[in-house]
Amino acid sequence: MRLESKSVKVDPIFENDTIKKMGLFGWTLLSSQEVHNHLKSENQKYTDMYRAGANNNSNDYVKLVFQRDKDMKNYSLIVKYEQDYNDLKYPDYVSDTPNPYFDPLFLRLFLFILIIFGIVGVTLGTFYVALEIYANNSGVEVELPSMQVLLPGLFMLLAGFSLNFIIKKKKKAAEDINSKQNASWKMERNNYLLQREKVEKQKDDIVSKVQSLIL
């Protein structure tokens, strides 16, 4: 009996899936060792699922050692199918959520405060002016900070309405850009799902062929 061995490093969450995948091609698990605090290198080969976009920030990995009989039935064909299986790559992962729209809440809050102060200033300033006119007509001299309140109120009110116009215009432009980005995302997401489904089908076809050889 001629034996060959192979070791692979995988994320701990993919240990069982990797063992199952290797078993499809006649590999038998000899040992499993979990290694902690190991820095991942960029070219380190993880499972297809990890490359497809699984989210895992751990620096740990599991070292799996497998063994296979080179005199097994249909060995050369199984090796070929295994290579074909490993050569199938999943497309780059595309998020399942679209680009979020950024709504500047702090600007809206500032705008609200500006308009409220403006309304209060104009109302109070107008009241002071009316009171001064009434007092003067009654022969009473009254000095109130009418203009000191009315003019800043008018300024804040005008500034608030102007800022509101700018925000609405900017928002419309941002929504248009966001809509185009989301349309592009939708196409990329659909293409990703189609390509992934295609790869899954090809892998399933290879697995079916290998199983027919082993059985």
N, C-alpha and C. Protein backbone atom coordinates (compact mmCIF):
# COMPACT_ATOMS: atom_id res chain seq x y z
N MET A 1 0.84 -1.20 0.00
CA MET A 1 0.00 0.00 0.00
C MET A 1 0.88 1.24 0.00
N ARG A 2 0.68 2.08 -0.99
CA ARG A 2 1.41 3.34 -1.06
C ARG A 2 0.54 4.45 -0.51
N LEU A 3 1.09 5.18 0.44
CA LEU A 3 0.31 6.22 1.10
C LEU A 3 0.90 7.60 0.80
N GLU A 4 0.01 8.58 0.73
CA GLU A 4 0.43 9.97 0.61
C GLU A 4 -0.24 10.77 1.73
N SER A 5 0.43 11.81 2.16
CA SER A 5 -0.12 12.62 3.24
C SER A 5 -0.19 14.08 2.81
N LYS A 6 -1.03 14.80 3.49
CA LYS A 6 -1.24 16.21 3.16
C LYS A 6 -1.73 16.95 4.40
N SER A 7 -1.21 18.16 4.61
CA SER A 7 -1.66 18.97 5.75
C SER A 7 -2.26 20.28 5.22
N VAL A 8 -3.31 20.70 5.86
CA VAL A 8 -3.96 21.96 5.48
C VAL A 8 -4.24 22.77 6.73
N LYS A 9 -4.28 24.09 6.56
CA LYS A 9 -4.59 24.99 7.66
C LYS A 9 -5.92 25.68 7.36
N VAL A 10 -6.85 25.59 8.29
CA VAL A 10 -8.17 26.17 8.08
C VAL A 10 -8.63 26.91 9.32
N ASP A 11 -9.61 27.76 9.12
CA ASP A 11 -10.24 28.42 10.26
C ASP A 11 -10.95 27.39 11.11
N PRO A 12 -10.94 27.55 12.42
CA PRO A 12 -11.60 26.57 13.29
C PRO A 12 -13.06 26.32 12.93
N ILE A 13 -13.78 27.36 12.50
CA ILE A 13 -15.20 27.18 12.20
C ILE A 13 -15.43 26.34 10.95
N PHE A 14 -14.36 26.12 10.15
CA PHE A 14 -14.49 25.33 8.93
C PHE A 14 -13.82 23.97 9.04
N GLU A 15 -13.47 23.59 10.24
CA GLU A 15 -12.75 22.32 10.43
C GLU A 15 -13.59 21.14 9.93
N ASN A 16 -14.82 21.03 10.39
CA ASN A 16 -15.66 19.88 10.01
C ASN A 16 -15.96 19.88 8.52
N ASP A 17 -16.21 21.05 7.94
CA ASP A 17 -16.48 21.12 6.50
C ASP A 17 -15.28 20.69 5.68
N THR A 18 -14.09 21.07 6.15
CA THR A 18 -12.87 20.69 5.43
C THR A 18 -12.63 19.19 5.51
N ILE A 19 -12.86 18.62 6.69
CA ILE A 19 -12.70 17.17 6.84
C ILE A 19 -13.66 16.42 5.92
N LYS A 20 -14.89 16.93 5.86
CA LYS A 20 -15.89 16.30 4.99
C LYS A 20 -15.49 16.43 3.52
N LYS A 21 -15.00 17.60 3.13
CA LYS A 21 -14.59 17.81 1.74
C LYS A 21 -13.42 16.91 1.37
N MET A 22 -12.44 16.84 2.24
CA MET A 22 -11.27 16.00 1.96
C MET A 22 -11.66 14.52 1.88
N GLY A 23 -12.64 14.14 2.72
CA GLY A 23 -13.09 12.75 2.71
C GLY A 23 -13.74 12.37 1.39
N LEU A 24 -14.31 13.35 0.69
CA LEU A 24 -14.92 13.07 -0.61
C LEU A 24 -13.91 12.54 -1.61
N PHE A 25 -12.66 12.92 -1.44
CA PHE A 25 -11.62 12.53 -2.39
C PHE A 25 -10.68 11.47 -1.81
N GLY A 26 -11.19 10.72 -0.85
CA GLY A 26 -10.46 9.57 -0.33
C GLY A 26 -9.47 9.85 0.77
N TRP A 27 -9.43 11.08 1.27
CA TRP A 27 -8.50 11.42 2.35
C TRP A 27 -9.07 11.01 3.70
N THR A 28 -8.20 10.48 4.55
CA THR A 28 -8.58 10.09 5.91
C THR A 28 -7.85 10.99 6.90
N LEU A 29 -8.56 11.51 7.87
CA LEU A 29 -7.95 12.41 8.85
C LEU A 29 -7.06 11.63 9.80
N LEU A 30 -5.81 12.10 9.92
CA LEU A 30 -4.86 11.50 10.86
C LEU A 30 -4.77 12.27 12.16
N SER A 31 -4.74 13.60 12.05
CA SER A 31 -4.62 14.41 13.27
C SER A 31 -5.22 15.80 13.04
N SER A 32 -5.60 16.41 14.15
CA SER A 32 -6.15 17.76 14.13
C SER A 32 -5.54 18.54 15.29
N GLN A 33 -4.90 19.67 14.98
CA GLN A 33 -4.23 20.46 16.01
C GLN A 33 -4.62 21.92 15.86
N GLU A 34 -5.16 22.49 16.94
CA GLU A 34 -5.54 23.90 16.90
C GLU A 34 -4.37 24.74 17.36
N VAL A 35 -4.04 25.76 16.56
CA VAL A 35 -2.91 26.64 16.86
C VAL A 35 -3.47 28.03 17.17
N HIS A 36 -3.03 28.60 18.29
CA HIS A 36 -3.54 29.89 18.74
C HIS A 36 -2.56 31.02 18.46
N ASN A 37 -3.12 32.22 18.31
CA ASN A 37 -2.33 33.45 18.16
C ASN A 37 -1.32 33.37 17.03
N HIS A 38 -1.75 32.83 15.92
CA HIS A 38 -0.88 32.75 14.75
C HIS A 38 -1.33 33.79 13.74
N LEU A 39 -0.42 34.65 13.30
CA LEU A 39 -0.77 35.70 12.34
C LEU A 39 -0.99 35.10 10.96
N LYS A 40 -2.10 35.46 10.36
CA LYS A 40 -2.41 34.96 9.02
C LYS A 40 -1.61 35.71 7.97
N SER A 41 -1.01 35.01 7.07
CA SER A 41 -0.32 35.66 5.95
C SER A 41 -1.32 35.86 4.82
N GLU A 42 -1.03 36.81 3.94
CA GLU A 42 -1.97 37.15 2.87
C GLU A 42 -2.17 36.01 1.90
N ASN A 43 -1.14 35.22 1.67
CA ASN A 43 -1.25 34.15 0.68
C ASN A 43 -1.55 32.80 1.32
N GLN A 44 -1.91 32.83 2.61
CA GLN A 44 -2.24 31.57 3.27
C GLN A 44 -3.54 31.03 2.72
N LYS A 45 -3.57 29.74 2.43
CA LYS A 45 -4.75 29.14 1.79
C LYS A 45 -5.74 28.65 2.85
N TYR A 46 -6.91 29.29 2.82
CA TYR A 46 -8.00 28.85 3.69
C TYR A 46 -9.05 28.15 2.84
N THR A 47 -10.09 27.76 3.45
CA THR A 47 -11.12 27.04 2.71
C THR A 47 -11.81 27.98 1.73
N ASP A 48 -12.50 27.37 0.75
CA ASP A 48 -13.22 28.15 -0.24
C ASP A 48 -14.25 29.06 0.42
N MET A 49 -14.84 28.60 1.49
CA MET A 49 -15.87 29.39 2.15
C MET A 49 -15.29 30.65 2.77
N TYR A 50 -14.09 30.54 3.32
CA TYR A 50 -13.44 31.72 3.90
C TYR A 50 -13.14 32.74 2.82
N ARG A 51 -12.63 32.26 1.68
CA ARG A 51 -12.31 33.18 0.59
C ARG A 51 -13.58 33.78 0.01
N ALA A 52 -14.73 33.11 0.21
CA ALA A 52 -15.98 33.62 -0.34
C ALA A 52 -16.56 34.75 0.49
N GLY A 53 -15.95 35.05 1.61
CA GLY A 53 -16.40 36.22 2.35
C GLY A 53 -16.86 35.96 3.76
N ALA A 54 -16.52 34.83 4.36
CA ALA A 54 -16.92 34.60 5.74
C ALA A 54 -16.23 35.60 6.65
N ASN A 55 -16.95 36.03 7.67
CA ASN A 55 -16.43 37.06 8.57
C ASN A 55 -15.87 36.40 9.81
N ASN A 56 -14.55 36.42 9.96
CA ASN A 56 -13.92 35.83 11.14
C ASN A 56 -12.63 36.56 11.41
N ASN A 57 -12.52 37.18 12.58
CA ASN A 57 -11.36 37.99 12.91
C ASN A 57 -10.34 37.25 13.77
N SER A 58 -10.57 35.98 14.01
CA SER A 58 -9.67 35.22 14.87
C SER A 58 -8.33 34.99 14.17
N ASN A 59 -7.26 34.95 14.94
CA ASN A 59 -5.94 34.65 14.41
C ASN A 59 -5.58 33.19 14.62
N ASP A 60 -6.53 32.38 15.11
CA ASP A 60 -6.28 30.97 15.34
C ASP A 60 -6.56 30.18 14.06
N TYR A 61 -5.93 29.01 13.97
CA TYR A 61 -6.24 28.11 12.86
C TYR A 61 -6.07 26.68 13.33
N VAL A 62 -6.59 25.76 12.54
CA VAL A 62 -6.49 24.34 12.83
C VAL A 62 -5.64 23.68 11.76
N LYS A 63 -4.64 22.94 12.21
CA LYS A 63 -3.80 22.19 11.28
C LYS A 63 -4.32 20.77 11.18
N LEU A 64 -4.76 20.40 9.98
CA LEU A 64 -5.32 19.07 9.75
C LEU A 64 -4.35 18.26 8.89
N VAL A 65 -4.07 17.04 9.31
CA VAL A 65 -3.18 16.14 8.55
C VAL A 65 -4.01 14.98 8.03
N PHE A 66 -3.94 14.75 6.71
CA PHE A 66 -4.72 13.69 6.06
C PHE A 66 -3.79 12.67 5.41
N GLN A 67 -4.36 11.50 5.17
CA GLN A 67 -3.61 10.43 4.50
C GLN A 67 -4.53 9.76 3.48
N ARG A 68 -3.92 9.32 2.33
CA ARG A 68 -4.71 8.67 1.29
C ARG A 68 -3.91 7.55 0.64
N ASP A 69 -4.61 6.50 0.27
CA ASP A 69 -4.00 5.34 -0.37
C ASP A 69 -3.87 5.62 -1.87
N LYS A 70 -2.64 5.62 -2.37
CA LYS A 70 -2.41 5.89 -3.79
C LYS A 70 -2.76 4.70 -4.67
N ASP A 71 -2.98 3.54 -4.05
CA ASP A 71 -3.37 2.34 -4.80
C ASP A 71 -4.88 2.14 -4.81
N MET A 72 -5.60 3.15 -4.33
CA MET A 72 -7.06 3.04 -4.29
C MET A 72 -7.62 2.98 -5.71
N LYS A 73 -8.83 2.48 -5.83
CA LYS A 73 -9.48 2.35 -7.13
C LYS A 73 -9.72 3.72 -7.75
N ASN A 74 -9.42 3.84 -9.05
CA ASN A 74 -9.62 5.08 -9.82
C ASN A 74 -8.85 6.26 -9.21
N TYR A 75 -7.68 5.98 -8.69
CA TYR A 75 -6.89 7.01 -8.01
C TYR A 75 -6.59 8.22 -8.92
N SER A 76 -6.14 7.96 -10.13
CA SER A 76 -5.74 9.06 -11.03
C SER A 76 -6.93 9.96 -11.38
N LEU A 77 -8.10 9.34 -11.60
CA LEU A 77 -9.28 10.13 -11.91
C LEU A 77 -9.73 10.96 -10.71
N ILE A 78 -9.64 10.37 -9.53
CA ILE A 78 -10.03 11.08 -8.31
C ILE A 78 -9.11 12.28 -8.09
N VAL A 79 -7.82 12.08 -8.33
CA VAL A 79 -6.86 13.18 -8.18
C VAL A 79 -7.18 14.31 -9.17
N LYS A 80 -7.53 13.92 -10.40
CA LYS A 80 -7.88 14.92 -11.41
C LYS A 80 -9.12 15.72 -10.99
N TYR A 81 -10.15 15.00 -10.54
CA TYR A 81 -11.38 15.68 -10.11
C TYR A 81 -11.13 16.57 -8.89
N GLU A 82 -10.25 16.11 -8.03
CA GLU A 82 -9.92 16.92 -6.85
C GLU A 82 -9.25 18.23 -7.27
N GLN A 83 -8.36 18.14 -8.25
CA GLN A 83 -7.70 19.34 -8.74
C GLN A 83 -8.71 20.28 -9.40
N ASP A 84 -9.62 19.71 -10.18
CA ASP A 84 -10.67 20.51 -10.81
C ASP A 84 -11.53 21.19 -9.76
N TYR A 85 -11.83 20.46 -8.70
CA TYR A 85 -12.65 20.99 -7.61
C TYR A 85 -11.94 22.16 -6.93
N ASN A 86 -10.67 21.99 -6.64
CA ASN A 86 -9.91 23.05 -5.96
C ASN A 86 -9.64 24.25 -6.85
N ASP A 87 -9.65 24.04 -8.16
CA ASP A 87 -9.42 25.15 -9.10
C ASP A 87 -10.64 26.05 -9.24
N LEU A 88 -11.79 25.55 -8.83
CA LEU A 88 -13.02 26.36 -8.91
C LEU A 88 -13.00 27.38 -7.77
N LYS A 89 -13.01 28.63 -8.14
CA LYS A 89 -12.95 29.71 -7.14
C LYS A 89 -14.28 30.45 -7.07
N TYR A 90 -14.65 30.76 -5.86
CA TYR A 90 -15.85 31.58 -5.67
C TYR A 90 -15.56 33.02 -6.09
N PRO A 91 -16.57 33.72 -6.60
CA PRO A 91 -16.36 35.15 -6.96
C PRO A 91 -16.13 35.98 -5.70
N ASP A 92 -15.58 37.17 -5.89
CA ASP A 92 -15.37 38.08 -4.77
C ASP A 92 -16.69 38.39 -4.10
N TYR A 93 -16.68 38.36 -2.79
CA TYR A 93 -17.91 38.54 -2.02
C TYR A 93 -18.49 39.94 -2.20
N VAL A 94 -19.80 40.00 -2.39
CA VAL A 94 -20.53 41.27 -2.48
C VAL A 94 -21.54 41.30 -1.35
N SER A 95 -21.51 42.34 -0.56
CA SER A 95 -22.38 42.45 0.62
C SER A 95 -23.85 42.28 0.24
N ASP A 96 -24.63 41.72 1.18
CA ASP A 96 -26.06 41.54 0.93
C ASP A 96 -26.88 42.75 1.35
N THR A 97 -26.21 43.84 1.71
CA THR A 97 -26.92 45.08 2.05
C THR A 97 -26.42 46.21 1.14
N PRO A 98 -27.32 47.06 0.65
CA PRO A 98 -26.90 48.15 -0.24
C PRO A 98 -26.16 49.24 0.52
N ASN A 99 -25.62 50.19 -0.24
CA ASN A 99 -24.92 51.31 0.38
C ASN A 99 -25.90 52.16 1.17
N PRO A 100 -25.59 52.44 2.44
CA PRO A 100 -26.52 53.27 3.23
C PRO A 100 -26.48 54.73 2.79
N TYR A 101 -27.63 55.39 2.91
CA TYR A 101 -27.68 56.81 2.59
C TYR A 101 -27.32 57.62 3.83
N PHE A 102 -26.37 58.53 3.70
CA PHE A 102 -25.93 59.35 4.84
C PHE A 102 -26.80 60.60 4.93
N ASP A 103 -27.58 60.67 5.99
CA ASP A 103 -28.44 61.83 6.22
C ASP A 103 -27.81 62.66 7.33
N PRO A 104 -27.32 63.89 7.02
CA PRO A 104 -26.64 64.71 8.03
C PRO A 104 -27.59 65.21 9.11
N LEU A 105 -27.83 64.40 10.11
CA LEU A 105 -28.78 64.73 11.17
C LEU A 105 -28.38 65.99 11.93
N PHE A 106 -27.06 66.18 12.14
CA PHE A 106 -26.60 67.34 12.91
C PHE A 106 -26.94 68.64 12.17
N LEU A 107 -26.92 68.61 10.82
CA LEU A 107 -27.29 69.80 10.06
C LEU A 107 -28.78 70.11 10.21
N ARG A 108 -29.58 69.05 10.23
CA ARG A 108 -31.02 69.25 10.41
C ARG A 108 -31.31 69.82 11.80
N LEU A 109 -30.58 69.32 12.80
CA LEU A 109 -30.76 69.83 14.15
C LEU A 109 -30.36 71.30 14.24
N PHE A 110 -29.22 71.62 13.60
CA PHE A 110 -28.75 73.01 13.59
C PHE A 110 -29.76 73.91 12.87
N LEU A 111 -30.30 73.40 11.75
CA LEU A 111 -31.29 74.16 10.99
C LEU A 111 -32.54 74.41 11.81
N PHE A 112 -33.00 73.40 12.54
CA PHE A 112 -34.18 73.52 13.38
C PHE A 112 -33.98 74.59 14.47
N ILE A 113 -32.81 74.53 15.13
CA ILE A 113 -32.51 75.51 16.18
C ILE A 113 -32.43 76.92 15.60
N LEU A 114 -31.80 77.04 14.42
CA LEU A 114 -31.64 78.35 13.77
C LEU A 114 -33.00 78.97 13.45
N ILE A 115 -33.89 78.17 12.88
CA ILE A 115 -35.21 78.69 12.51
C ILE A 115 -36.02 79.03 13.76
N ILE A 116 -35.95 78.20 14.79
CA ILE A 116 -36.69 78.48 16.03
C ILE A 116 -36.22 79.79 16.65
N PHE A 117 -34.89 79.97 16.76
CA PHE A 117 -34.36 81.23 17.31
C PHE A 117 -34.75 82.41 16.42
N GLY A 118 -34.74 82.18 15.11
CA GLY A 118 -35.13 83.25 14.18
C GLY A 118 -36.57 83.66 14.37
N ILE A 119 -37.47 82.67 14.51
CA ILE A 119 -38.89 82.96 14.72
C ILE A 119 -39.10 83.70 16.04
N VAL A 120 -38.40 83.22 17.08
CA VAL A 120 -38.52 83.89 18.39
C VAL A 120 -38.01 85.32 18.31
N GLY A 121 -36.86 85.52 17.63
CA GLY A 121 -36.27 86.86 17.50
C GLY A 121 -37.18 87.80 16.73
N VAL A 122 -37.72 87.33 15.60
CA VAL A 122 -38.61 88.17 14.79
C VAL A 122 -39.90 88.48 15.56
N THR A 123 -40.45 87.49 16.21
CA THR A 123 -41.70 87.69 16.97
C THR A 123 -41.48 88.68 18.11
N LEU A 124 -40.40 88.47 18.87
CA LEU A 124 -40.14 89.36 20.01
C LEU A 124 -39.77 90.77 19.54
N GLY A 125 -38.95 90.83 18.45
CA GLY A 125 -38.57 92.14 17.90
C GLY A 125 -39.77 92.91 17.39
N THR A 126 -40.68 92.21 16.71
CA THR A 126 -41.90 92.85 16.20
C THR A 126 -42.78 93.34 17.36
N PHE A 127 -42.83 92.53 18.40
CA PHE A 127 -43.60 92.94 19.58
C PHE A 127 -43.02 94.20 20.21
N TYR A 128 -41.67 94.24 20.29
CA TYR A 128 -41.02 95.43 20.85
C TYR A 128 -41.31 96.67 20.00
N VAL A 129 -41.25 96.51 18.68
CA VAL A 129 -41.52 97.64 17.78
C VAL A 129 -42.95 98.13 17.96
N ALA A 130 -43.88 97.19 17.99
CA ALA A 130 -45.29 97.56 18.17
C ALA A 130 -45.50 98.24 19.51
N LEU A 131 -44.83 97.76 20.53
CA LEU A 131 -44.96 98.35 21.86
C LEU A 131 -44.39 99.77 21.89
N GLU A 132 -43.26 99.96 21.23
CA GLU A 132 -42.66 101.30 21.15
C GLU A 132 -43.59 102.26 20.42
N ILE A 133 -44.18 101.81 19.29
CA ILE A 133 -45.10 102.67 18.54
C ILE A 133 -46.31 103.04 19.39
N TYR A 134 -46.85 102.04 20.08
CA TYR A 134 -48.02 102.30 20.93
C TYR A 134 -47.67 103.27 22.06
N ALA A 135 -46.47 103.07 22.66
CA ALA A 135 -46.06 103.94 23.77
C ALA A 135 -45.83 105.37 23.27
N ASN A 136 -45.21 105.52 22.12
CA ASN A 136 -44.97 106.85 21.56
C ASN A 136 -46.27 107.56 21.23
N ASN A 137 -47.21 106.81 20.68
CA ASN A 137 -48.52 107.40 20.38
C ASN A 137 -49.27 107.82 21.65
N SER A 138 -48.94 107.14 22.74
CA SER A 138 -49.58 107.46 24.02
C SER A 138 -48.81 108.53 24.78
N GLY A 139 -47.71 109.03 24.19
CA GLY A 139 -46.92 110.08 24.83
C GLY A 139 -45.97 109.56 25.88
N VAL A 140 -45.70 108.29 25.84
CA VAL A 140 -44.76 107.68 26.81
C VAL A 140 -43.49 107.28 26.07
N GLU A 141 -42.37 107.71 26.60
CA GLU A 141 -41.10 107.35 25.99
C GLU A 141 -40.61 106.00 26.54
N VAL A 142 -40.44 105.07 25.61
CA VAL A 142 -39.97 103.73 25.99
C VAL A 142 -38.82 103.34 25.07
N GLU A 143 -37.77 102.86 25.66
CA GLU A 143 -36.64 102.37 24.86
C GLU A 143 -36.51 100.86 25.05
N LEU A 144 -36.76 100.18 23.99
CA LEU A 144 -36.66 98.71 24.00
C LEU A 144 -35.65 98.27 22.93
N PRO A 145 -34.96 97.12 23.16
CA PRO A 145 -33.97 96.63 22.18
C PRO A 145 -34.63 96.00 20.95
N SER A 146 -35.47 96.79 20.31
CA SER A 146 -36.25 96.25 19.19
C SER A 146 -35.36 95.76 18.06
N MET A 147 -34.52 96.67 17.53
CA MET A 147 -33.67 96.31 16.39
C MET A 147 -32.62 95.27 16.76
N GLN A 148 -32.14 95.36 18.03
CA GLN A 148 -31.13 94.39 18.48
C GLN A 148 -31.68 92.96 18.52
N VAL A 149 -32.98 92.85 18.63
CA VAL A 149 -33.62 91.53 18.65
C VAL A 149 -34.19 91.17 17.28
N LEU A 150 -34.81 92.18 16.63
CA LEU A 150 -35.47 91.93 15.35
C LEU A 150 -34.49 91.59 14.24
N LEU A 151 -33.41 92.37 14.11
CA LEU A 151 -32.47 92.14 13.00
C LEU A 151 -31.76 90.78 13.10
N PRO A 152 -31.21 90.42 14.28
CA PRO A 152 -30.62 89.07 14.36
C PRO A 152 -31.64 87.97 14.10
N GLY A 153 -32.90 88.20 14.56
CA GLY A 153 -33.94 87.20 14.30
C GLY A 153 -34.20 87.04 12.82
N LEU A 154 -34.30 88.19 12.11
CA LEU A 154 -34.49 88.14 10.66
C LEU A 154 -33.33 87.44 9.96
N PHE A 155 -32.10 87.75 10.43
CA PHE A 155 -30.91 87.14 9.84
C PHE A 155 -30.93 85.62 10.02
N MET A 156 -31.25 85.20 11.26
CA MET A 156 -31.29 83.75 11.52
C MET A 156 -32.39 83.06 10.73
N LEU A 157 -33.52 83.74 10.59
CA LEU A 157 -34.63 83.16 9.84
C LEU A 157 -34.28 83.01 8.37
N LEU A 158 -33.71 84.07 7.79
CA LEU A 158 -33.30 84.01 6.39
C LEU A 158 -32.20 82.98 6.18
N ALA A 159 -31.25 82.95 7.13
CA ALA A 159 -30.16 81.97 7.04
C ALA A 159 -30.71 80.56 7.14
N GLY A 160 -31.71 80.36 8.00
CA GLY A 160 -32.32 79.04 8.15
C GLY A 160 -33.01 78.58 6.89
N PHE A 161 -33.79 79.48 6.27
CA PHE A 161 -34.49 79.11 5.03
C PHE A 161 -33.49 78.87 3.88
N SER A 162 -32.44 79.68 3.85
CA SER A 162 -31.41 79.49 2.81
C SER A 162 -30.71 78.16 3.00
N LEU A 163 -30.36 77.86 4.27
CA LEU A 163 -29.69 76.59 4.56
C LEU A 163 -30.61 75.41 4.26
N ASN A 164 -31.90 75.56 4.53
CA ASN A 164 -32.86 74.50 4.24
C ASN A 164 -32.92 74.23 2.74
N PHE A 165 -32.88 75.29 1.93
CA PHE A 165 -32.89 75.15 0.47
C PHE A 165 -31.64 74.40 0.00
N ILE A 166 -30.48 74.76 0.58
CA ILE A 166 -29.22 74.12 0.19
C ILE A 166 -29.22 72.65 0.59
N ILE A 167 -29.72 72.37 1.80
CA ILE A 167 -29.75 70.98 2.29
C ILE A 167 -30.64 70.12 1.39
N LYS A 168 -31.80 70.66 1.01
CA LYS A 168 -32.70 69.90 0.14
C LYS A 168 -32.06 69.61 -1.21
N LYS A 169 -31.36 70.61 -1.72
CA LYS A 169 -30.69 70.44 -3.03
C LYS A 169 -29.58 69.41 -2.93
N LYS A 170 -28.78 69.52 -1.85
CA LYS A 170 -27.69 68.55 -1.65
C LYS A 170 -28.25 67.15 -1.41
N LYS A 171 -29.35 67.08 -0.65
CA LYS A 171 -29.96 65.79 -0.37
C LYS A 171 -30.44 65.12 -1.64
N LYS A 172 -31.09 65.92 -2.52
CA LYS A 172 -31.57 65.36 -3.80
C LYS A 172 -30.41 64.81 -4.62
N ALA A 173 -29.30 65.57 -4.67
CA ALA A 173 -28.13 65.12 -5.41
C ALA A 173 -27.56 63.85 -4.80
N ALA A 174 -27.49 63.82 -3.44
CA ALA A 174 -26.95 62.64 -2.75
C ALA A 174 -27.84 61.42 -2.96
N GLU A 175 -29.16 61.63 -2.95
CA GLU A 175 -30.09 60.52 -3.17
C GLU A 175 -29.96 59.97 -4.58
N ASP A 176 -29.74 60.85 -5.56
CA ASP A 176 -29.55 60.41 -6.95
C ASP A 176 -28.29 59.56 -7.06
N ILE A 177 -27.20 60.03 -6.43
CA ILE A 177 -25.94 59.27 -6.46
C ILE A 177 -26.12 57.94 -5.76
N ASN A 178 -26.78 57.99 -4.58
CA ASN A 178 -27.00 56.76 -3.82
C ASN A 178 -27.87 55.77 -4.59
N SER A 179 -28.86 56.30 -5.31
CA SER A 179 -29.74 55.43 -6.11
C SER A 179 -28.94 54.73 -7.21
N LYS A 180 -28.05 55.48 -7.86
CA LYS A 180 -27.21 54.89 -8.92
C LYS A 180 -26.26 53.85 -8.33
N GLN A 181 -25.69 54.17 -7.15
CA GLN A 181 -24.78 53.23 -6.50
C GLN A 181 -25.50 51.94 -6.12
N ASN A 182 -26.73 52.09 -5.61
CA ASN A 182 -27.51 50.92 -5.21
C ASN A 182 -27.93 50.09 -6.42
N ALA A 183 -28.19 50.77 -7.53
CA ALA A 183 -28.52 50.04 -8.76
C ALA A 183 -27.31 49.23 -9.22
N SER A 184 -26.13 49.84 -9.11
CA SER A 184 -24.90 49.14 -9.46
C SER A 184 -24.65 47.99 -8.49
N TRP A 185 -24.90 48.24 -7.18
CA TRP A 185 -24.74 47.18 -6.17
C TRP A 185 -25.66 46.01 -6.47
N LYS A 186 -26.91 46.31 -6.85
CA LYS A 186 -27.87 45.25 -7.13
C LYS A 186 -27.40 44.36 -8.27
N MET A 187 -26.84 44.98 -9.31
CA MET A 187 -26.32 44.21 -10.44
C MET A 187 -25.15 43.35 -9.99
N GLU A 188 -24.23 43.95 -9.20
CA GLU A 188 -23.06 43.21 -8.73
C GLU A 188 -23.48 42.07 -7.81
N ARG A 189 -24.46 42.34 -6.94
CA ARG A 189 -24.93 41.31 -6.02
C ARG A 189 -25.57 40.15 -6.77
N ASN A 190 -26.42 40.46 -7.75
CA ASN A 190 -27.07 39.41 -8.54
C ASN A 190 -26.05 38.61 -9.32
N ASN A 191 -25.06 39.30 -9.89
CA ASN A 191 -24.01 38.61 -10.63
C ASN A 191 -23.21 37.71 -9.70
N TYR A 192 -22.92 38.21 -8.50
CA TYR A 192 -22.19 37.41 -7.51
C TYR A 192 -22.96 36.13 -7.17
N LEU A 193 -24.28 36.28 -6.94
CA LEU A 193 -25.09 35.12 -6.57
C LEU A 193 -25.16 34.11 -7.72
N LEU A 194 -25.25 34.62 -8.95
CA LEU A 194 -25.29 33.73 -10.11
C LEU A 194 -23.98 32.98 -10.28
N GLN A 195 -22.86 33.70 -10.14
CA GLN A 195 -21.55 33.08 -10.27
C GLN A 195 -21.32 32.07 -9.15
N ARG A 196 -21.73 32.42 -7.94
CA ARG A 196 -21.56 31.50 -6.81
C ARG A 196 -22.40 30.23 -7.01
N GLU A 197 -23.63 30.44 -7.49
CA GLU A 197 -24.50 29.29 -7.76
C GLU A 197 -23.89 28.39 -8.83
N LYS A 198 -23.27 29.01 -9.83
CA LYS A 198 -22.63 28.25 -10.91
C LYS A 198 -21.47 27.41 -10.37
N VAL A 199 -20.66 28.04 -9.51
CA VAL A 199 -19.53 27.32 -8.92
C VAL A 199 -20.02 26.17 -8.04
N GLU A 200 -21.08 26.43 -7.26
CA GLU A 200 -21.64 25.39 -6.39
C GLU A 200 -22.11 24.19 -7.22
N LYS A 201 -22.77 24.49 -8.35
CA LYS A 201 -23.26 23.41 -9.22
C LYS A 201 -22.10 22.61 -9.80
N GLN A 202 -21.04 23.31 -10.23
CA GLN A 202 -19.89 22.61 -10.78
C GLN A 202 -19.23 21.73 -9.72
N LYS A 203 -19.15 22.24 -8.50
CA LYS A 203 -18.57 21.45 -7.41
C LYS A 203 -19.43 20.23 -7.12
N ASP A 204 -20.76 20.42 -7.11
CA ASP A 204 -21.66 19.29 -6.86
C ASP A 204 -21.53 18.24 -7.95
N ASP A 205 -21.36 18.68 -9.19
CA ASP A 205 -21.19 17.73 -10.30
C ASP A 205 -19.91 16.91 -10.12
N ILE A 206 -18.85 17.59 -9.71
CA ILE A 206 -17.58 16.87 -9.49
C ILE A 206 -17.71 15.87 -8.35
N VAL A 207 -18.38 16.29 -7.27
CA VAL A 207 -18.58 15.39 -6.12
C VAL A 207 -19.36 14.16 -6.54
N SER A 208 -20.39 14.35 -7.37
CA SER A 208 -21.19 13.22 -7.84
C SER A 208 -20.34 12.25 -8.66
N LYS A 209 -19.47 12.80 -9.50
CA LYS A 209 -18.60 11.94 -10.32
C LYS A 209 -17.62 11.16 -9.46
N VAL A 210 -17.06 11.83 -8.44
CA VAL A 210 -16.11 11.14 -7.56
C VAL A 210 -16.80 10.05 -6.75
N GLN A 211 -17.99 10.35 -6.27
CA GLN A 211 -18.72 9.34 -5.49
C GLN A 211 -19.04 8.12 -6.32
N SER A 212 -19.33 8.34 -7.61
CA SER A 212 -19.60 7.18 -8.48
C SER A 212 -18.34 6.34 -8.72
N LEU A 213 -17.17 6.98 -8.61
CA LEU A 213 -15.91 6.25 -8.78
C LEU A 213 -15.53 5.46 -7.55
N ILE A 214 -15.85 6.04 -6.38
CA ILE A 214 -15.47 5.41 -5.12
C ILE A 214 -16.40 4.24 -4.78
N LEU A 215 -17.71 4.43 -5.07
CA LEU A 215 -18.69 3.39 -4.72
C LEU A 215 -18.54 2.14 -5.58
